[in-house]
Amino acid sequence: MPQDQRAPEFVPQVVQEAIWLKIPYLWMQERVVHEEAAKSAEDAGIRVVMDRCPLKERMSAGWKKRG
């Protein structure tokens, strides 16, 4: 797993912090999935995206890189 990416076992703590901070959205990168923690977040009103890459999502929506 790349150094800039959290392993799935750390997601519950991230979710607890997001709940405490009242963050409305939580995005987990590719290969980061934790269903139980995601349910806790959703139960607290946080919208959750798991196992997705923001760049790939933007590119598939027609966004073009500059340069």
N, C-alpha and C. Protein backbone atom coordinates (compact mmCIF):
# COMPACT_ATOMS: atom_id res chain seq x y z
N MET A 1 0.85 -1.18 0.00
CA MET A 1 0.00 0.00 0.00
C MET A 1 0.89 1.24 0.00
N PRO A 2 0.60 2.24 -0.84
CA PRO A 2 1.42 3.45 -0.89
C PRO A 2 1.48 4.14 0.46
N GLN A 3 2.59 4.83 0.71
CA GLN A 3 2.77 5.49 2.00
C GLN A 3 1.74 6.56 2.29
N ASP A 4 1.20 7.21 1.27
CA ASP A 4 0.24 8.28 1.49
C ASP A 4 -1.19 7.77 1.65
N GLN A 5 -1.34 6.47 1.78
CA GLN A 5 -2.67 5.88 1.87
C GLN A 5 -2.82 5.14 3.20
N ARG A 6 -3.95 5.32 3.84
CA ARG A 6 -4.23 4.63 5.09
C ARG A 6 -4.68 3.20 4.82
N ALA A 7 -4.26 2.29 5.64
CA ALA A 7 -4.71 0.90 5.55
C ALA A 7 -6.12 0.81 6.13
N PRO A 8 -6.93 -0.13 5.64
CA PRO A 8 -8.32 -0.24 6.11
C PRO A 8 -8.48 -0.35 7.62
N GLU A 9 -7.52 -0.93 8.31
CA GLU A 9 -7.66 -1.08 9.77
C GLU A 9 -7.64 0.26 10.51
N PHE A 10 -7.21 1.33 9.86
CA PHE A 10 -7.19 2.64 10.49
C PHE A 10 -8.48 3.44 10.24
N VAL A 11 -9.35 2.93 9.38
CA VAL A 11 -10.57 3.66 9.01
C VAL A 11 -11.48 3.91 10.21
N PRO A 12 -11.70 2.96 11.13
CA PRO A 12 -12.59 3.27 12.26
C PRO A 12 -12.17 4.51 13.05
N GLN A 13 -10.88 4.69 13.27
CA GLN A 13 -10.42 5.88 14.00
C GLN A 13 -10.66 7.14 13.17
N VAL A 14 -10.42 7.06 11.87
CA VAL A 14 -10.67 8.21 10.98
C VAL A 14 -12.15 8.57 11.01
N VAL A 15 -13.02 7.56 11.00
CA VAL A 15 -14.46 7.80 11.04
C VAL A 15 -14.84 8.46 12.36
N GLN A 16 -14.30 7.98 13.47
CA GLN A 16 -14.62 8.58 14.77
C GLN A 16 -14.21 10.06 14.80
N GLU A 17 -13.07 10.37 14.23
CA GLU A 17 -12.62 11.77 14.17
C GLU A 17 -13.54 12.58 13.27
N ALA A 18 -13.98 12.01 12.15
CA ALA A 18 -14.88 12.71 11.23
C ALA A 18 -16.22 12.99 11.92
N ILE A 19 -16.70 12.02 12.69
CA ILE A 19 -17.96 12.21 13.44
C ILE A 19 -17.78 13.33 14.46
N TRP A 20 -16.70 13.29 15.20
CA TRP A 20 -16.42 14.30 16.22
C TRP A 20 -16.31 15.70 15.62
N LEU A 21 -15.68 15.78 14.44
CA LEU A 21 -15.49 17.07 13.77
C LEU A 21 -16.70 17.49 12.93
N LYS A 22 -17.71 16.62 12.87
CA LYS A 22 -18.92 16.89 12.09
C LYS A 22 -18.62 17.14 10.60
N ILE A 23 -17.73 16.32 10.07
CA ILE A 23 -17.36 16.40 8.65
C ILE A 23 -18.48 15.74 7.84
N PRO A 24 -19.01 16.41 6.81
CA PRO A 24 -20.16 15.86 6.10
C PRO A 24 -19.85 14.76 5.09
N TYR A 25 -18.60 14.67 4.61
CA TYR A 25 -18.25 13.68 3.60
C TYR A 25 -16.93 13.01 3.97
N LEU A 26 -16.81 11.74 3.63
CA LEU A 26 -15.58 11.00 3.88
C LEU A 26 -15.27 10.18 2.63
N TRP A 27 -14.10 10.39 2.07
CA TRP A 27 -13.69 9.70 0.84
C TRP A 27 -12.52 8.80 1.18
N MET A 28 -12.66 7.49 0.89
CA MET A 28 -11.59 6.53 1.11
C MET A 28 -11.06 6.08 -0.25
N GLN A 29 -9.76 6.16 -0.41
CA GLN A 29 -9.10 5.86 -1.67
C GLN A 29 -9.30 4.41 -2.11
N GLU A 30 -8.79 4.12 -3.30
CA GLU A 30 -8.84 2.75 -3.82
C GLU A 30 -8.20 1.79 -2.82
N ARG A 31 -8.77 0.62 -2.74
CA ARG A 31 -8.32 -0.46 -1.86
C ARG A 31 -8.50 -0.16 -0.38
N VAL A 32 -9.22 0.90 -0.04
CA VAL A 32 -9.50 1.20 1.36
C VAL A 32 -11.01 1.04 1.57
N VAL A 33 -11.37 -0.08 2.21
CA VAL A 33 -12.77 -0.42 2.44
C VAL A 33 -12.91 -0.92 3.87
N HIS A 34 -13.90 -0.40 4.57
CA HIS A 34 -14.22 -0.88 5.92
C HIS A 34 -15.71 -0.67 6.10
N GLU A 35 -16.49 -1.69 5.80
CA GLU A 35 -17.95 -1.60 5.78
C GLU A 35 -18.53 -1.17 7.13
N GLU A 36 -18.03 -1.75 8.22
CA GLU A 36 -18.56 -1.43 9.55
C GLU A 36 -18.34 0.04 9.90
N ALA A 37 -17.14 0.54 9.64
CA ALA A 37 -16.85 1.94 9.92
C ALA A 37 -17.68 2.86 9.03
N ALA A 38 -17.85 2.47 7.77
CA ALA A 38 -18.67 3.27 6.85
C ALA A 38 -20.10 3.36 7.35
N LYS A 39 -20.63 2.26 7.88
CA LYS A 39 -21.99 2.29 8.42
C LYS A 39 -22.07 3.23 9.61
N SER A 40 -21.08 3.21 10.47
CA SER A 40 -21.06 4.14 11.61
C SER A 40 -21.08 5.58 11.14
N ALA A 41 -20.29 5.86 10.11
CA ALA A 41 -20.24 7.22 9.56
C ALA A 41 -21.59 7.60 8.97
N GLU A 42 -22.17 6.71 8.19
CA GLU A 42 -23.47 6.99 7.57
C GLU A 42 -24.56 7.17 8.62
N ASP A 43 -24.51 6.38 9.68
CA ASP A 43 -25.48 6.51 10.78
C ASP A 43 -25.35 7.88 11.46
N ALA A 44 -24.15 8.47 11.40
CA ALA A 44 -23.91 9.79 11.98
C ALA A 44 -24.19 10.91 10.99
N GLY A 45 -24.68 10.55 9.79
CA GLY A 45 -25.03 11.56 8.80
C GLY A 45 -23.92 11.93 7.83
N ILE A 46 -22.84 11.16 7.83
CA ILE A 46 -21.71 11.42 6.93
C ILE A 46 -21.91 10.61 5.65
N ARG A 47 -21.76 11.25 4.52
CA ARG A 47 -21.82 10.54 3.23
C ARG A 47 -20.44 9.93 2.98
N VAL A 48 -20.40 8.66 2.62
CA VAL A 48 -19.15 7.91 2.50
C VAL A 48 -18.95 7.40 1.07
N VAL A 49 -17.73 7.57 0.58
CA VAL A 49 -17.30 6.99 -0.69
C VAL A 49 -16.11 6.10 -0.35
N MET A 50 -16.15 4.85 -0.82
CA MET A 50 -15.05 3.92 -0.54
C MET A 50 -14.49 3.36 -1.84
N ASP A 51 -13.20 3.04 -1.79
CA ASP A 51 -12.53 2.32 -2.87
C ASP A 51 -12.65 3.04 -4.21
N ARG A 52 -12.47 4.36 -4.19
CA ARG A 52 -12.58 5.16 -5.42
C ARG A 52 -11.41 6.14 -5.47
N CYS A 53 -10.99 6.49 -6.66
CA CYS A 53 -9.91 7.45 -6.89
C CYS A 53 -10.50 8.75 -7.42
N PRO A 54 -10.29 9.88 -6.74
CA PRO A 54 -10.85 11.14 -7.21
C PRO A 54 -10.40 11.51 -8.62
N LEU A 55 -9.13 11.30 -8.94
CA LEU A 55 -8.64 11.64 -10.27
C LEU A 55 -9.32 10.79 -11.34
N LYS A 56 -9.42 9.49 -11.10
CA LYS A 56 -10.08 8.61 -12.07
C LYS A 56 -11.55 8.99 -12.24
N GLU A 57 -12.20 9.36 -11.16
CA GLU A 57 -13.60 9.78 -11.24
C GLU A 57 -13.73 11.04 -12.09
N ARG A 58 -12.84 12.01 -11.86
CA ARG A 58 -12.88 13.25 -12.64
C ARG A 58 -12.59 12.99 -14.11
N MET A 59 -11.61 12.15 -14.38
CA MET A 59 -11.26 11.84 -15.76
C MET A 59 -12.42 11.14 -16.48
N SER A 60 -13.08 10.23 -15.81
CA SER A 60 -14.19 9.52 -16.44
C SER A 60 -15.40 10.44 -16.67
N ALA A 61 -15.44 11.56 -15.93
CA ALA A 61 -16.52 12.54 -16.11
C ALA A 61 -16.19 13.56 -17.19
N GLY A 62 -15.04 13.39 -17.83
CA GLY A 62 -14.68 14.27 -18.93
C GLY A 62 -13.68 15.37 -18.61
N TRP A 63 -13.20 15.39 -17.38
CA TRP A 63 -12.22 16.38 -16.97
C TRP A 63 -10.87 16.07 -17.63
N LYS A 64 -10.20 17.07 -18.15
CA LYS A 64 -8.91 16.88 -18.83
C LYS A 64 -7.79 17.51 -18.00
N LYS A 65 -6.67 16.80 -17.95
CA LYS A 65 -5.48 17.37 -17.29
C LYS A 65 -4.89 18.49 -18.13
N ARG A 66 -4.34 19.48 -17.46
CA ARG A 66 -3.68 20.57 -18.19
C ARG A 66 -2.29 20.14 -18.62
N GLY A 67 -1.83 20.74 -19.71
CA GLY A 67 -0.45 20.57 -20.11
C GLY A 67 -0.24 19.46 -21.00
